[in-house]
N, C-alpha and C. Protein backbone atom coordinates (compact mmCIF):
# COMPACT_ATOMS: atom_id res chain seq x y z
N MET A 1 3.94 -15.10 -10.35
CA MET A 1 4.67 -15.09 -9.09
C MET A 1 3.74 -15.46 -7.95
N SER A 2 4.22 -16.28 -7.05
CA SER A 2 3.54 -16.52 -5.79
C SER A 2 4.58 -16.37 -4.69
N GLY A 3 4.15 -16.04 -3.49
CA GLY A 3 5.09 -15.80 -2.42
C GLY A 3 5.47 -14.33 -2.37
N LEU A 4 6.64 -14.04 -1.78
CA LEU A 4 7.05 -12.66 -1.58
C LEU A 4 7.69 -12.08 -2.84
N PRO A 5 7.63 -10.76 -2.99
CA PRO A 5 8.22 -10.13 -4.19
C PRO A 5 9.71 -10.41 -4.30
N THR A 6 10.16 -10.53 -5.54
CA THR A 6 11.58 -10.75 -5.80
C THR A 6 12.30 -9.45 -6.15
N GLY A 7 11.52 -8.42 -6.48
CA GLY A 7 12.11 -7.13 -6.83
C GLY A 7 11.82 -6.09 -5.76
N THR A 8 11.88 -4.85 -6.14
CA THR A 8 11.64 -3.73 -5.24
C THR A 8 10.15 -3.37 -5.25
N VAL A 9 9.61 -3.07 -4.08
CA VAL A 9 8.21 -2.66 -3.97
C VAL A 9 8.16 -1.15 -3.72
N TYR A 10 7.43 -0.46 -4.60
CA TYR A 10 7.26 0.98 -4.50
C TYR A 10 5.80 1.30 -4.18
N GLY A 11 5.61 2.31 -3.36
CA GLY A 11 4.27 2.82 -3.11
C GLY A 11 4.12 4.19 -3.73
N ALA A 12 2.89 4.54 -4.10
CA ALA A 12 2.61 5.86 -4.67
C ALA A 12 1.75 6.65 -3.68
N LEU A 13 2.30 7.71 -3.15
CA LEU A 13 1.53 8.60 -2.29
C LEU A 13 0.62 9.48 -3.13
N LEU A 14 -0.51 9.86 -2.56
CA LEU A 14 -1.42 10.84 -3.16
C LEU A 14 -2.05 10.37 -4.47
N ASN A 15 -2.09 9.06 -4.69
CA ASN A 15 -2.68 8.59 -5.94
C ASN A 15 -4.15 8.22 -5.77
N GLN A 16 -4.57 7.91 -4.54
CA GLN A 16 -6.00 7.78 -4.29
C GLN A 16 -6.58 9.18 -4.11
N ARG A 17 -7.66 9.46 -4.81
CA ARG A 17 -8.23 10.80 -4.78
C ARG A 17 -8.56 11.25 -3.36
N SER A 18 -9.05 10.34 -2.52
CA SER A 18 -9.41 10.72 -1.15
C SER A 18 -8.18 11.14 -0.35
N GLU A 19 -7.05 10.48 -0.57
CA GLU A 19 -5.82 10.86 0.13
C GLU A 19 -5.30 12.20 -0.40
N PHE A 20 -5.34 12.37 -1.71
CA PHE A 20 -4.89 13.64 -2.30
C PHE A 20 -5.69 14.81 -1.74
N ASP A 21 -7.01 14.66 -1.72
CA ASP A 21 -7.86 15.74 -1.24
C ASP A 21 -7.64 16.02 0.25
N ALA A 22 -7.44 14.95 1.04
CA ALA A 22 -7.24 15.13 2.48
C ALA A 22 -5.94 15.87 2.79
N LEU A 23 -4.91 15.65 1.98
CA LEU A 23 -3.60 16.24 2.24
C LEU A 23 -3.34 17.49 1.41
N ALA A 24 -4.29 17.87 0.57
CA ALA A 24 -4.08 19.03 -0.30
C ALA A 24 -3.66 20.29 0.45
N PRO A 25 -4.26 20.60 1.62
CA PRO A 25 -3.83 21.83 2.31
C PRO A 25 -2.35 21.83 2.70
N GLN A 26 -1.78 20.66 2.99
CA GLN A 26 -0.37 20.60 3.38
C GLN A 26 0.58 20.79 2.21
N MET A 27 0.09 20.60 1.00
CA MET A 27 0.97 20.67 -0.17
C MET A 27 1.52 22.06 -0.41
N HIS A 28 0.88 23.08 0.17
CA HIS A 28 1.33 24.46 -0.05
C HIS A 28 2.24 24.94 1.08
N ASP A 29 2.52 24.07 2.04
CA ASP A 29 3.43 24.43 3.12
C ASP A 29 4.87 24.31 2.65
N ALA A 30 5.78 24.97 3.37
CA ALA A 30 7.21 24.83 3.10
C ALA A 30 7.63 23.39 3.39
N PRO A 31 8.61 22.82 2.68
CA PRO A 31 9.44 23.52 1.69
C PRO A 31 8.92 23.43 0.25
N TYR A 32 7.81 22.70 0.01
CA TYR A 32 7.40 22.44 -1.37
C TYR A 32 6.52 23.55 -1.94
N LYS A 33 5.55 24.02 -1.15
CA LYS A 33 4.71 25.17 -1.50
C LYS A 33 3.88 25.00 -2.76
N ALA A 34 3.67 23.76 -3.17
CA ALA A 34 2.83 23.48 -4.35
C ALA A 34 2.60 21.99 -4.42
N PRO A 35 1.51 21.55 -5.04
CA PRO A 35 1.28 20.12 -5.24
C PRO A 35 2.38 19.52 -6.11
N PRO A 36 2.72 18.26 -5.90
CA PRO A 36 3.75 17.63 -6.72
C PRO A 36 3.30 17.48 -8.16
N ARG A 37 4.23 17.64 -9.09
CA ARG A 37 3.91 17.50 -10.52
C ARG A 37 4.15 16.08 -11.01
N ALA A 38 4.99 15.34 -10.33
CA ALA A 38 5.31 13.96 -10.69
C ALA A 38 4.83 13.03 -9.58
N PRO A 39 4.72 11.72 -9.85
CA PRO A 39 4.34 10.79 -8.78
C PRO A 39 5.31 10.86 -7.60
N VAL A 40 4.76 10.77 -6.40
CA VAL A 40 5.57 10.76 -5.18
C VAL A 40 5.67 9.30 -4.73
N LEU A 41 6.86 8.73 -4.84
CA LEU A 41 7.07 7.31 -4.55
C LEU A 41 7.85 7.12 -3.26
N TYR A 42 7.66 5.97 -2.65
CA TYR A 42 8.47 5.54 -1.52
C TYR A 42 8.71 4.05 -1.68
N ILE A 43 9.69 3.52 -0.97
CA ILE A 43 10.05 2.11 -1.06
C ILE A 43 9.63 1.38 0.20
N LYS A 44 9.04 0.20 0.03
CA LYS A 44 8.84 -0.73 1.14
C LYS A 44 9.98 -1.74 1.05
N THR A 45 10.91 -1.65 1.98
CA THR A 45 12.11 -2.47 1.95
C THR A 45 11.79 -3.94 2.25
N ALA A 46 12.70 -4.83 1.87
CA ALA A 46 12.44 -6.26 1.95
C ALA A 46 12.15 -6.74 3.37
N ASN A 47 12.65 -6.03 4.38
CA ASN A 47 12.38 -6.44 5.76
C ASN A 47 10.91 -6.27 6.13
N THR A 48 10.16 -5.52 5.33
CA THR A 48 8.74 -5.29 5.64
C THR A 48 7.83 -6.39 5.12
N PHE A 49 8.30 -7.26 4.23
CA PHE A 49 7.42 -8.22 3.56
C PHE A 49 6.91 -9.28 4.53
N SER A 50 5.59 -9.46 4.55
CA SER A 50 4.95 -10.51 5.36
C SER A 50 4.02 -11.32 4.46
N PRO A 51 4.20 -12.64 4.40
CA PRO A 51 3.32 -13.46 3.57
C PRO A 51 1.92 -13.54 4.16
N ALA A 52 0.97 -13.92 3.34
CA ALA A 52 -0.41 -14.08 3.78
C ALA A 52 -0.47 -15.04 4.96
N GLY A 53 -1.23 -14.68 5.97
CA GLY A 53 -1.40 -15.53 7.14
C GLY A 53 -0.39 -15.32 8.24
N ALA A 54 0.64 -14.55 7.98
CA ALA A 54 1.69 -14.35 8.99
C ALA A 54 1.21 -13.45 10.11
N ALA A 55 1.78 -13.64 11.30
CA ALA A 55 1.58 -12.71 12.40
C ALA A 55 2.53 -11.54 12.21
N ILE A 56 2.03 -10.32 12.37
CA ILE A 56 2.85 -9.12 12.20
C ILE A 56 3.06 -8.49 13.56
N ALA A 57 4.33 -8.33 13.94
CA ALA A 57 4.67 -7.82 15.26
C ALA A 57 4.60 -6.29 15.28
N VAL A 58 3.89 -5.76 16.26
CA VAL A 58 3.77 -4.31 16.44
C VAL A 58 4.65 -3.90 17.61
N PRO A 59 5.59 -2.98 17.41
CA PRO A 59 6.45 -2.55 18.51
C PRO A 59 5.64 -2.04 19.70
N VAL A 60 6.16 -2.25 20.90
CA VAL A 60 5.43 -1.90 22.11
C VAL A 60 5.18 -0.40 22.22
N HIS A 61 6.02 0.42 21.56
CA HIS A 61 5.84 1.87 21.62
C HIS A 61 4.85 2.39 20.58
N VAL A 62 4.26 1.48 19.79
CA VAL A 62 3.30 1.87 18.76
C VAL A 62 1.91 1.41 19.19
N PRO A 63 1.05 2.32 19.67
CA PRO A 63 -0.27 1.89 20.16
C PRO A 63 -1.21 1.46 19.06
N GLU A 64 -1.07 2.03 17.85
CA GLU A 64 -1.94 1.69 16.73
C GLU A 64 -1.15 1.72 15.43
N VAL A 65 -1.65 0.96 14.44
CA VAL A 65 -1.08 1.03 13.10
C VAL A 65 -2.21 1.35 12.12
N GLU A 66 -1.85 1.95 11.00
CA GLU A 66 -2.81 2.24 9.96
C GLU A 66 -2.80 1.13 8.92
N ILE A 67 -3.98 0.70 8.52
CA ILE A 67 -4.13 -0.35 7.51
C ILE A 67 -4.21 0.30 6.14
N GLY A 68 -3.38 -0.15 5.22
CA GLY A 68 -3.34 0.43 3.88
C GLY A 68 -3.70 -0.60 2.82
N ALA A 69 -5.00 -0.78 2.58
CA ALA A 69 -5.46 -1.75 1.58
C ALA A 69 -5.17 -1.20 0.18
N THR A 70 -4.44 -1.95 -0.61
CA THR A 70 -4.09 -1.46 -1.93
C THR A 70 -3.86 -2.60 -2.91
N VAL A 71 -3.69 -2.22 -4.18
CA VAL A 71 -3.38 -3.16 -5.25
C VAL A 71 -1.93 -2.93 -5.67
N GLY A 72 -1.17 -4.02 -5.77
CA GLY A 72 0.19 -3.94 -6.28
C GLY A 72 0.23 -4.42 -7.71
N LEU A 73 0.85 -3.65 -8.58
CA LEU A 73 1.03 -4.05 -9.97
C LEU A 73 2.37 -4.75 -10.10
N LEU A 74 2.35 -6.03 -10.47
CA LEU A 74 3.59 -6.76 -10.68
C LEU A 74 4.11 -6.43 -12.08
N ILE A 75 5.36 -5.98 -12.14
CA ILE A 75 5.95 -5.56 -13.39
C ILE A 75 6.63 -6.76 -14.07
N GLY A 76 6.36 -6.90 -15.36
CA GLY A 76 6.97 -7.96 -16.15
C GLY A 76 8.03 -7.41 -17.09
N ASP A 77 8.40 -8.20 -18.09
CA ASP A 77 9.41 -7.79 -19.05
C ASP A 77 8.97 -6.54 -19.80
N GLY A 78 9.91 -5.64 -20.02
CA GLY A 78 9.63 -4.44 -20.76
C GLY A 78 8.78 -3.42 -20.03
N GLY A 79 8.61 -3.61 -18.73
CA GLY A 79 7.84 -2.67 -17.94
C GLY A 79 6.33 -2.84 -18.04
N ALA A 80 5.89 -3.93 -18.65
CA ALA A 80 4.45 -4.19 -18.78
C ALA A 80 3.88 -4.72 -17.47
N ILE A 81 2.58 -4.53 -17.27
CA ILE A 81 1.91 -5.05 -16.09
C ILE A 81 1.65 -6.54 -16.29
N GLN A 82 2.23 -7.36 -15.42
CA GLN A 82 2.07 -8.81 -15.50
C GLN A 82 0.81 -9.28 -14.78
N GLY A 83 0.40 -8.55 -13.75
CA GLY A 83 -0.78 -8.93 -12.98
C GLY A 83 -0.92 -8.05 -11.76
N CYS A 84 -1.94 -8.34 -10.96
CA CYS A 84 -2.25 -7.54 -9.77
C CYS A 84 -2.24 -8.43 -8.54
N MET A 85 -1.88 -7.86 -7.41
CA MET A 85 -1.86 -8.60 -6.17
C MET A 85 -2.39 -7.73 -5.03
N LEU A 86 -2.98 -8.38 -4.06
CA LEU A 86 -3.52 -7.70 -2.89
C LEU A 86 -2.38 -7.40 -1.92
N MET A 87 -2.35 -6.17 -1.38
CA MET A 87 -1.29 -5.79 -0.46
C MET A 87 -1.86 -4.95 0.67
N ASN A 88 -1.25 -5.10 1.85
CA ASN A 88 -1.62 -4.32 3.03
C ASN A 88 -0.39 -3.51 3.45
N ASP A 89 -0.43 -2.23 3.11
CA ASP A 89 0.70 -1.32 3.35
C ASP A 89 0.54 -0.69 4.73
N LEU A 90 1.00 -1.40 5.75
CA LEU A 90 0.88 -0.92 7.12
C LEU A 90 1.84 0.25 7.38
N SER A 91 1.42 1.15 8.25
CA SER A 91 2.27 2.28 8.61
C SER A 91 1.92 2.75 10.02
N VAL A 92 2.83 3.49 10.61
CA VAL A 92 2.62 4.08 11.93
C VAL A 92 1.95 5.44 11.73
N PRO A 93 0.86 5.73 12.45
CA PRO A 93 0.23 7.05 12.30
C PRO A 93 1.23 8.18 12.54
N HIS A 94 1.11 9.20 11.72
CA HIS A 94 2.03 10.33 11.80
C HIS A 94 1.24 11.59 11.52
N ALA A 95 1.67 12.71 12.09
CA ALA A 95 0.93 13.96 11.94
C ALA A 95 0.78 14.37 10.48
N SER A 96 1.79 14.08 9.67
CA SER A 96 1.73 14.41 8.25
C SER A 96 2.24 13.23 7.44
N PHE A 97 1.37 12.68 6.59
CA PHE A 97 1.83 11.59 5.74
C PHE A 97 2.08 12.07 4.31
N TYR A 98 2.27 13.40 4.17
CA TYR A 98 2.75 13.93 2.91
C TYR A 98 4.27 13.92 2.98
N ARG A 99 4.87 13.01 2.24
CA ARG A 99 6.32 12.76 2.28
C ARG A 99 6.75 12.38 3.70
N PRO A 100 6.23 11.27 4.24
CA PRO A 100 6.51 10.89 5.63
C PRO A 100 7.90 10.28 5.79
N PRO A 101 8.46 10.33 7.01
CA PRO A 101 9.74 9.68 7.26
C PRO A 101 9.66 8.17 7.00
N VAL A 102 10.75 7.61 6.49
CA VAL A 102 10.79 6.19 6.15
C VAL A 102 10.52 5.33 7.38
N ARG A 103 10.98 5.76 8.54
CA ARG A 103 10.85 4.92 9.74
C ARG A 103 9.40 4.68 10.13
N PHE A 104 8.46 5.44 9.59
CA PHE A 104 7.05 5.22 9.89
C PHE A 104 6.41 4.21 8.94
N ARG A 105 7.11 3.84 7.88
CA ARG A 105 6.56 2.92 6.88
C ARG A 105 7.30 1.60 6.78
N CYS A 106 8.57 1.58 7.16
CA CYS A 106 9.40 0.41 6.86
C CYS A 106 9.79 -0.39 8.08
N LEU A 107 8.87 -0.58 9.03
CA LEU A 107 9.12 -1.45 10.16
C LEU A 107 9.06 -2.90 9.70
N ASP A 108 9.73 -3.77 10.44
CA ASP A 108 9.75 -5.19 10.09
C ASP A 108 8.33 -5.74 9.95
N GLY A 109 8.07 -6.39 8.82
CA GLY A 109 6.79 -7.06 8.61
C GLY A 109 5.65 -6.17 8.18
N PHE A 110 5.90 -4.89 7.95
CA PHE A 110 4.81 -3.94 7.72
C PHE A 110 4.35 -3.84 6.27
N LEU A 111 4.44 -4.93 5.51
CA LEU A 111 3.80 -5.00 4.19
C LEU A 111 3.24 -6.40 4.00
N GLY A 112 1.94 -6.53 4.15
CA GLY A 112 1.29 -7.81 3.88
C GLY A 112 1.19 -8.03 2.38
N VAL A 113 1.56 -9.22 1.93
CA VAL A 113 1.62 -9.53 0.50
C VAL A 113 0.68 -10.68 0.18
N GLY A 114 -0.24 -10.45 -0.75
CA GLY A 114 -1.16 -11.51 -1.17
C GLY A 114 -0.43 -12.70 -1.75
N ALA A 115 -1.04 -13.86 -1.62
CA ALA A 115 -0.38 -15.10 -2.02
C ALA A 115 -0.30 -15.28 -3.53
N ASP A 116 -1.19 -14.64 -4.29
CA ASP A 116 -1.28 -14.92 -5.73
C ASP A 116 -1.36 -13.64 -6.53
N VAL A 117 -0.97 -13.78 -7.80
CA VAL A 117 -1.08 -12.70 -8.77
C VAL A 117 -2.24 -13.01 -9.71
N HIS A 118 -3.08 -12.01 -9.96
CA HIS A 118 -4.26 -12.20 -10.78
C HIS A 118 -4.22 -11.24 -11.96
N VAL A 119 -4.66 -11.72 -13.11
CA VAL A 119 -4.78 -10.86 -14.28
C VAL A 119 -6.18 -10.27 -14.28
N THR A 120 -6.28 -8.99 -13.99
CA THR A 120 -7.57 -8.33 -13.89
C THR A 120 -7.38 -6.84 -14.12
N ASP A 121 -8.46 -6.14 -14.40
CA ASP A 121 -8.42 -4.69 -14.57
C ASP A 121 -8.44 -4.05 -13.19
N PRO A 122 -7.38 -3.34 -12.79
CA PRO A 122 -7.35 -2.75 -11.45
C PRO A 122 -8.54 -1.83 -11.17
N ALA A 123 -9.07 -1.20 -12.21
CA ALA A 123 -10.18 -0.26 -12.01
C ALA A 123 -11.43 -0.95 -11.49
N THR A 124 -11.52 -2.26 -11.68
CA THR A 124 -12.71 -3.01 -11.23
C THR A 124 -12.54 -3.58 -9.83
N VAL A 125 -11.36 -3.43 -9.24
CA VAL A 125 -11.07 -4.05 -7.94
C VAL A 125 -11.68 -3.24 -6.82
N GLN A 126 -12.33 -3.95 -5.89
CA GLN A 126 -12.77 -3.37 -4.63
C GLN A 126 -12.24 -4.24 -3.50
N ILE A 127 -11.82 -3.58 -2.44
CA ILE A 127 -11.26 -4.28 -1.28
C ILE A 127 -12.06 -3.91 -0.04
N GLU A 128 -12.53 -4.92 0.67
CA GLU A 128 -13.14 -4.71 1.97
C GLU A 128 -12.08 -4.91 3.05
N VAL A 129 -12.01 -3.97 3.97
CA VAL A 129 -11.10 -4.08 5.11
C VAL A 129 -11.93 -4.44 6.33
N ARG A 130 -11.63 -5.58 6.92
CA ARG A 130 -12.33 -6.04 8.11
C ARG A 130 -11.34 -6.22 9.26
N ILE A 131 -11.70 -5.67 10.41
CA ILE A 131 -10.89 -5.82 11.61
C ILE A 131 -11.73 -6.56 12.64
N ASN A 132 -11.25 -7.73 13.04
CA ASN A 132 -12.00 -8.61 13.95
C ASN A 132 -13.40 -8.90 13.41
N GLY A 133 -13.49 -9.03 12.08
CA GLY A 133 -14.74 -9.39 11.42
C GLY A 133 -15.62 -8.23 11.04
N ALA A 134 -15.38 -7.05 11.60
CA ALA A 134 -16.22 -5.89 11.34
C ALA A 134 -15.72 -5.12 10.12
N LEU A 135 -16.63 -4.78 9.21
CA LEU A 135 -16.27 -4.02 8.01
C LEU A 135 -15.91 -2.58 8.41
N CYS A 136 -14.69 -2.17 8.08
CA CYS A 136 -14.21 -0.85 8.47
C CYS A 136 -14.03 0.09 7.28
N GLN A 137 -13.83 -0.46 6.10
CA GLN A 137 -13.55 0.38 4.93
C GLN A 137 -13.76 -0.44 3.67
N THR A 138 -14.22 0.22 2.61
CA THR A 138 -14.26 -0.37 1.27
C THR A 138 -13.48 0.55 0.34
N VAL A 139 -12.50 -0.01 -0.34
CA VAL A 139 -11.60 0.78 -1.19
C VAL A 139 -11.80 0.37 -2.65
N GLY A 140 -11.98 1.36 -3.52
CA GLY A 140 -12.06 1.12 -4.95
C GLY A 140 -10.90 1.78 -5.67
N PHE A 141 -10.67 1.38 -6.92
CA PHE A 141 -9.54 1.89 -7.69
C PHE A 141 -9.97 2.42 -9.05
N ASP A 142 -11.22 2.85 -9.09
CA ASP A 142 -11.76 3.40 -10.34
C ASP A 142 -11.62 4.92 -10.41
N VAL A 143 -11.26 5.57 -9.30
CA VAL A 143 -11.06 7.02 -9.29
C VAL A 143 -9.68 7.31 -8.69
N LEU A 144 -8.66 7.20 -9.51
CA LEU A 144 -7.29 7.48 -9.08
C LEU A 144 -6.82 8.79 -9.70
N VAL A 145 -5.89 9.46 -9.02
CA VAL A 145 -5.29 10.65 -9.61
C VAL A 145 -4.58 10.28 -10.90
N ARG A 146 -3.84 9.17 -10.86
CA ARG A 146 -3.21 8.62 -12.06
C ARG A 146 -3.63 7.16 -12.19
N PRO A 147 -4.44 6.83 -13.20
CA PRO A 147 -4.77 5.41 -13.44
C PRO A 147 -3.49 4.61 -13.72
N PRO A 148 -3.55 3.28 -13.61
CA PRO A 148 -2.34 2.47 -13.71
C PRO A 148 -1.43 2.78 -14.90
N THR A 149 -1.99 2.86 -16.11
CA THR A 149 -1.13 3.08 -17.28
C THR A 149 -0.48 4.46 -17.23
N GLN A 150 -1.22 5.46 -16.75
CA GLN A 150 -0.63 6.81 -16.65
C GLN A 150 0.42 6.86 -15.55
N LEU A 151 0.14 6.18 -14.42
CA LEU A 151 1.12 6.14 -13.33
C LEU A 151 2.43 5.51 -13.80
N LEU A 152 2.32 4.40 -14.52
CA LEU A 152 3.53 3.74 -15.04
C LEU A 152 4.28 4.65 -16.01
N ALA A 153 3.54 5.32 -16.89
CA ALA A 153 4.17 6.19 -17.86
C ALA A 153 4.87 7.37 -17.17
N ASP A 154 4.22 7.94 -16.16
CA ASP A 154 4.81 9.09 -15.47
C ASP A 154 6.02 8.67 -14.65
N VAL A 155 5.97 7.48 -14.04
CA VAL A 155 7.13 6.97 -13.30
C VAL A 155 8.30 6.73 -14.26
N ALA A 156 8.00 6.23 -15.45
CA ALA A 156 9.05 5.93 -16.44
C ALA A 156 9.79 7.18 -16.90
N GLU A 157 9.20 8.35 -16.65
CA GLU A 157 9.87 9.59 -17.02
C GLU A 157 11.13 9.84 -16.20
N PHE A 158 11.19 9.24 -14.97
CA PHE A 158 12.35 9.52 -14.14
C PHE A 158 13.02 8.27 -13.55
N MET A 159 12.47 7.08 -13.78
CA MET A 159 13.12 5.86 -13.30
C MET A 159 12.61 4.66 -14.09
N THR A 160 13.34 3.56 -14.01
CA THR A 160 12.98 2.34 -14.72
C THR A 160 12.56 1.27 -13.74
N LEU A 161 11.38 0.70 -13.96
CA LEU A 161 10.93 -0.44 -13.16
C LEU A 161 11.37 -1.72 -13.85
N ALA A 162 11.95 -2.64 -13.07
CA ALA A 162 12.48 -3.89 -13.61
C ALA A 162 11.47 -5.01 -13.41
N ALA A 163 11.61 -6.08 -14.19
CA ALA A 163 10.77 -7.25 -14.03
C ALA A 163 10.89 -7.78 -12.61
N GLY A 164 9.77 -8.03 -11.97
CA GLY A 164 9.75 -8.48 -10.59
C GLY A 164 9.47 -7.38 -9.60
N ASP A 165 9.59 -6.12 -10.02
CA ASP A 165 9.24 -5.00 -9.15
C ASP A 165 7.72 -4.93 -8.99
N VAL A 166 7.27 -4.26 -7.95
CA VAL A 166 5.84 -4.07 -7.70
C VAL A 166 5.60 -2.58 -7.44
N LEU A 167 4.57 -2.04 -8.08
CA LEU A 167 4.17 -0.66 -7.88
C LEU A 167 2.76 -0.63 -7.30
N MET A 168 2.64 -0.15 -6.07
CA MET A 168 1.33 -0.07 -5.42
C MET A 168 0.59 1.19 -5.86
N LEU A 169 -0.73 1.07 -6.00
CA LEU A 169 -1.54 2.14 -6.58
C LEU A 169 -1.95 3.22 -5.59
N GLY A 170 -1.67 3.02 -4.31
CA GLY A 170 -2.03 4.04 -3.32
C GLY A 170 -3.12 3.57 -2.38
N CYS A 171 -3.23 4.26 -1.25
CA CYS A 171 -4.17 3.91 -0.19
C CYS A 171 -5.17 5.04 0.01
N ALA A 172 -6.40 4.65 0.29
CA ALA A 172 -7.47 5.64 0.50
C ALA A 172 -7.37 6.23 1.90
N ALA A 173 -7.89 7.43 2.04
CA ALA A 173 -7.95 8.11 3.34
C ALA A 173 -9.41 8.31 3.75
N PRO A 174 -9.66 8.25 5.08
CA PRO A 174 -8.73 7.92 6.16
C PRO A 174 -8.51 6.42 6.25
N ARG A 175 -7.38 6.02 6.75
CA ARG A 175 -7.07 4.60 6.88
C ARG A 175 -7.60 4.05 8.20
N PRO A 176 -8.16 2.86 8.19
CA PRO A 176 -8.57 2.24 9.46
C PRO A 176 -7.36 1.97 10.33
N ARG A 177 -7.58 1.95 11.63
CA ARG A 177 -6.49 1.69 12.57
C ARG A 177 -6.75 0.40 13.34
N ALA A 178 -5.67 -0.29 13.65
CA ALA A 178 -5.75 -1.54 14.40
C ALA A 178 -4.60 -1.57 15.39
N ARG A 179 -4.66 -2.53 16.31
CA ARG A 179 -3.61 -2.63 17.33
C ARG A 179 -3.29 -4.09 17.58
N ALA A 180 -2.25 -4.32 18.36
CA ALA A 180 -1.84 -5.69 18.68
C ALA A 180 -3.02 -6.45 19.27
N GLY A 181 -3.22 -7.67 18.79
CA GLY A 181 -4.35 -8.50 19.20
C GLY A 181 -5.47 -8.53 18.18
N ASP A 182 -5.46 -7.61 17.21
CA ASP A 182 -6.51 -7.55 16.19
C ASP A 182 -6.20 -8.49 15.02
N HIS A 183 -7.28 -9.00 14.43
CA HIS A 183 -7.18 -9.81 13.22
C HIS A 183 -7.66 -8.95 12.05
N VAL A 184 -6.81 -8.80 11.04
CA VAL A 184 -7.10 -7.92 9.91
C VAL A 184 -7.27 -8.76 8.65
N GLU A 185 -8.36 -8.52 7.93
CA GLU A 185 -8.61 -9.20 6.66
C GLU A 185 -8.88 -8.19 5.56
N LEU A 186 -8.22 -8.37 4.43
CA LEU A 186 -8.53 -7.64 3.22
C LEU A 186 -9.19 -8.63 2.27
N ARG A 187 -10.41 -8.34 1.84
CA ARG A 187 -11.17 -9.25 0.99
C ARG A 187 -11.48 -8.58 -0.33
N SER A 188 -11.21 -9.30 -1.41
CA SER A 188 -11.49 -8.79 -2.75
C SER A 188 -12.00 -9.93 -3.62
N ALA A 189 -13.12 -9.71 -4.29
CA ALA A 189 -13.65 -10.74 -5.19
C ALA A 189 -12.66 -11.02 -6.31
N ALA A 190 -11.90 -10.02 -6.73
CA ALA A 190 -10.97 -10.18 -7.85
C ALA A 190 -9.61 -10.73 -7.42
N LEU A 191 -9.17 -10.40 -6.20
CA LEU A 191 -7.80 -10.72 -5.79
C LEU A 191 -7.71 -11.67 -4.61
N GLY A 192 -8.83 -12.10 -4.06
CA GLY A 192 -8.79 -13.05 -2.95
C GLY A 192 -8.78 -12.37 -1.60
N THR A 193 -8.26 -13.09 -0.61
CA THR A 193 -8.24 -12.60 0.78
C THR A 193 -6.81 -12.58 1.30
N LEU A 194 -6.48 -11.52 2.00
CA LEU A 194 -5.18 -11.38 2.65
C LEU A 194 -5.45 -11.12 4.13
N ALA A 195 -5.04 -12.05 4.98
CA ALA A 195 -5.33 -11.95 6.41
C ALA A 195 -4.04 -11.97 7.23
N HIS A 196 -4.04 -11.19 8.31
CA HIS A 196 -2.93 -11.16 9.25
C HIS A 196 -3.47 -10.94 10.66
N THR A 197 -2.72 -11.41 11.63
CA THR A 197 -2.99 -11.09 13.02
C THR A 197 -1.87 -10.21 13.53
N LEU A 198 -2.23 -9.11 14.17
CA LEU A 198 -1.23 -8.23 14.76
C LEU A 198 -0.93 -8.73 16.17
N VAL A 199 0.35 -8.83 16.48
CA VAL A 199 0.77 -9.31 17.80
C VAL A 199 1.74 -8.31 18.39
N GLU A 200 1.84 -8.30 19.70
CA GLU A 200 2.78 -7.40 20.36
C GLU A 200 4.20 -7.93 20.19
N GLN A 201 5.09 -7.07 19.77
CA GLN A 201 6.48 -7.45 19.56
C GLN A 201 7.12 -7.84 20.88
N ALA A 202 7.86 -8.93 20.88
CA ALA A 202 8.54 -9.37 22.09
C ALA A 202 9.59 -8.34 22.49
N PRO A 203 9.74 -8.10 23.80
CA PRO A 203 10.74 -7.11 24.25
C PRO A 203 12.15 -7.60 23.95
């Protein structure tokens, strides 16, 4: 596949160990009062998809956005992993991102999608996040709460992923922040480069 996803894109919360550890204290608050036993998924709706190189509009009431460098697993026939793609899961900062409201994740254009799918071991992938050329974060996928095969197996316990769907492996914490006017690049030796410019949304 090249271009935008043809299926549904799912994200996995709390799958990066750094995010899990950062949010662990909130897991015991009401109404859940315990860490989740199954993967916590959310959907990035089709209105969020932005191709590589696109300008992403930031609403005027949003002073900053969080950059979510991650790997998307493209699902093939029979639920097998067809390949990996670079993705930027943008979101609006929120006091609690443990089960956050959809409106903070699914703004128009708020999912940058890499141009190509690569066959590679996700555990070997590293992503550099650069904002205006400055290195802000390096994300690895060798220490996940659920490695890719386990994540897929655990998701299959309660839902079916179809060919063309994408399952993101999660974002590390803390996430770098950027604002309108910034140029954001995700660079990976294994998956290429995904770049976007954030622009102020027209009134």
